[in-house]
C-alpha atoms as a PDB file:
ATOM      1  CA  UNK A   1    -190.133 -11.254 -17.356  1.00  0.00           C
ATOM      2  CA  UNK A   2    -186.935 -12.374 -15.634  1.00  0.00           C
ATOM      3  CA  UNK A   3    -186.339 -15.752 -14.014  1.00  0.00           C
ATOM      4  CA  UNK A   4    -183.996 -16.483 -11.115  1.00  0.00           C
ATOM      5  CA  UNK A   5    -183.305 -20.060 -10.049  1.00  0.00           C
ATOM      6  CA  UNK A   6    -181.530 -20.487  -6.771  1.00  0.00           C
ATOM      7  CA  UNK A   7    -181.697 -20.949  -3.027  1.00  0.00           C
ATOM      8  CA  UNK A   8    -183.463 -18.818  -0.415  1.00  0.00           C
ATOM      9  CA  UNK A   9    -180.773 -17.180   1.744  1.00  0.00           C
ATOM     10  CA  UNK A  10    -182.959 -14.623   3.517  1.00  0.00           C
ATOM     11  CA  UNK A  11    -186.634 -14.487   4.407  1.00  0.00           C
ATOM     12  CA  UNK A  12    -188.816 -11.925   6.196  1.00  0.00           C
ATOM     13  CA  UNK A  13    -192.414 -13.082   6.152  1.00  0.00           C
ATOM     14  CA  UNK A  14    -193.471 -10.033   8.206  1.00  0.00           C
ATOM     15  CA  UNK A  15    -192.075  -7.653   5.569  1.00  0.00           C
ATOM     16  CA  UNK A  16    -192.953  -9.874   2.592  1.00  0.00           C
ATOM     17  CA  UNK A  17    -189.333 -10.029   1.415  1.00  0.00           C
ATOM     18  CA  UNK A  18    -187.245 -12.943   0.203  1.00  0.00           C
ATOM     19  CA  UNK A  19    -183.579 -13.036  -0.819  1.00  0.00           C
ATOM     20  CA  UNK A  20    -182.607 -15.581  -3.454  1.00  0.00           C
ATOM     21  CA  UNK A  21    -179.030 -16.497  -4.328  1.00  0.00           C
ATOM     22  CA  UNK A  22    -178.675 -17.683  -7.912  1.00  0.00           C
ATOM     23  CA  UNK A  23    -175.597 -18.693  -9.881  1.00  0.00           C
ATOM     24  CA  UNK A  24    -175.127 -15.202 -11.357  1.00  0.00           C
ATOM     25  CA  UNK A  25    -176.950 -12.888  -8.936  1.00  0.00           C
ATOM     26  CA  UNK A  26    -178.461 -12.495  -5.510  1.00  0.00           C
ATOM     27  CA  UNK A  27    -181.739 -10.544  -5.419  1.00  0.00           C
ATOM     28  CA  UNK A  28    -184.032  -9.418  -2.630  1.00  0.00           C
ATOM     29  CA  UNK A  29    -187.604  -9.371  -3.872  1.00  0.00           C
ATOM     30  CA  UNK A  30    -190.813  -7.946  -2.434  1.00  0.00           C
ATOM     31  CA  UNK A  31    -193.633 -10.485  -2.554  1.00  0.00           C
ATOM     32  CA  UNK A  32    -197.010  -8.920  -3.312  1.00  0.00           C
ATOM     33  CA  UNK A  33    -198.806 -12.023  -1.994  1.00  0.00           C
ATOM     34  CA  UNK A  34    -196.910 -12.730   1.267  1.00  0.00           C
ATOM     35  CA  UNK A  35    -198.962 -15.877   1.939  1.00  0.00           C
ATOM     36  CA  UNK A  36    -196.816 -17.559  -0.747  1.00  0.00           C
ATOM     37  CA  UNK A  37    -193.901 -17.280   1.692  1.00  0.00           C
ATOM     38  CA  UNK A  38    -195.664 -19.428   4.299  1.00  0.00           C
ATOM     39  CA  UNK A  39    -194.571 -22.676   2.639  1.00  0.00           C
ATOM     40  CA  UNK A  40    -190.864 -21.876   2.227  1.00  0.00           C
ATOM     41  CA  UNK A  41    -187.822 -21.541   4.465  1.00  0.00           C
ATOM     42  CA  UNK A  42    -184.172 -20.477   4.201  1.00  0.00           C
ATOM     43  CA  UNK A  43    -182.277 -23.131   2.258  1.00  0.00           C
ATOM     44  CA  UNK A  44    -185.180 -24.105  -0.038  1.00  0.00           C
ATOM     45  CA  UNK A  45    -184.506 -24.176  -3.769  1.00  0.00           C
ATOM     46  CA  UNK A  46    -186.866 -21.966  -5.787  1.00  0.00           C
ATOM     47  CA  UNK A  47    -187.565 -20.467  -9.179  1.00  0.00           C
ATOM     48  CA  UNK A  48    -188.725 -16.833  -9.049  1.00  0.00           C
ATOM     49  CA  UNK A  49    -190.243 -14.941 -11.952  1.00  0.00           C
ATOM     50  CA  UNK A  50    -190.201 -11.156 -11.646  1.00  0.00           C
ATOM     51  CA  UNK A  51    -189.889  -7.956 -13.639  1.00  0.00           C
ATOM     52  CA  UNK A  52    -187.969  -4.742 -13.213  1.00  0.00           C
ATOM     53  CA  UNK A  53    -189.802  -1.467 -13.486  1.00  0.00           C
ATOM     54  CA  UNK A  54    -187.948   1.785 -14.048  1.00  0.00           C
ATOM     55  CA  UNK A  55    -189.708   4.721 -12.451  1.00  0.00           C
ATOM     56  CA  UNK A  56    -188.458   8.216 -13.150  1.00  0.00           C
ATOM     57  CA  UNK A  57    -189.065  11.888 -13.513  1.00  0.00           C
ATOM     58  CA  UNK A  58    -187.623  14.386 -15.993  1.00  0.00           C
ATOM     59  CA  UNK A  59    -187.142  17.939 -14.773  1.00  0.00           C
ATOM     60  CA  UNK A  60    -186.224  21.120 -16.588  1.00  0.00           C
ATOM     61  CA  UNK A  61    -182.526  21.403 -17.434  1.00  0.00           C
ATOM     62  CA  UNK A  62    -182.534  25.160 -16.784  1.00  0.00           C
ATOM     63  CA  UNK A  63    -180.858  24.664 -13.430  1.00  0.00           C
ATOM     64  CA  UNK A  64    -177.805  22.536 -12.870  1.00  0.00           C
ATOM     65  CA  UNK A  65    -179.465  20.891  -9.882  1.00  0.00           C
ATOM     66  CA  UNK A  66    -182.291  19.496 -12.047  1.00  0.00           C
ATOM     67  CA  UNK A  67    -181.560  16.025 -13.349  1.00  0.00           C
ATOM     68  CA  UNK A  68    -183.192  12.791 -14.366  1.00  0.00           C
ATOM     69  CA  UNK A  69    -184.324  10.931 -11.270  1.00  0.00           C
ATOM     70  CA  UNK A  70    -184.945   7.220 -11.552  1.00  0.00           C
ATOM     71  CA  UNK A  71    -184.806   4.100  -9.479  1.00  0.00           C
ATOM     72  CA  UNK A  72    -185.316   0.422 -10.050  1.00  0.00           C
ATOM     73  CA  UNK A  73    -188.221  -1.305  -8.377  1.00  0.00           C
ATOM     74  CA  UNK A  74    -188.037  -5.064  -8.177  1.00  0.00           C
ATOM     75  CA  UNK A  75    -191.306  -6.648  -9.136  1.00  0.00           C
ATOM     76  CA  UNK A  76    -193.188  -9.453  -7.540  1.00  0.00           C
ATOM     77  CA  UNK A  77    -191.733 -12.801  -6.553  1.00  0.00           C
ATOM     78  CA  UNK A  78    -194.701 -14.727  -7.882  1.00  0.00           C
ATOM     79  CA  UNK A  79    -195.297 -17.560  -8.637  1.00  0.00           C
ATOM     80  CA  UNK A  80    -192.980 -19.409  -6.319  1.00  0.00           C
ATOM     81  CA  UNK A  81    -192.043 -22.894  -7.489  1.00  0.00           C
ATOM     82  CA  UNK A  82    -190.078 -25.275  -5.313  1.00  0.00           C
ATOM     83  CA  UNK A  83    -187.155 -27.038  -6.983  1.00  0.00           C
ATOM     84  CA  UNK A  84    -186.330 -29.330  -4.073  1.00  0.00           C
END
């Protein structure tokens, strides 16, 4: 579980996305419970707990075009805790 403390710099309640700027990183997270975004606005201080999941697929190495395919999926932005 990762924790990011910072300020909301972007918010799309319709898409369930929030962008948080911390001291070391800025992350855009997908919120799996978008109703949690109803009580926040751009500029609010928050603490977000989330996890990274690595999803991938291994294909045969017989052909040069086959390779390991993977991408990072940012986990949920829950629970949301106000720091202001």
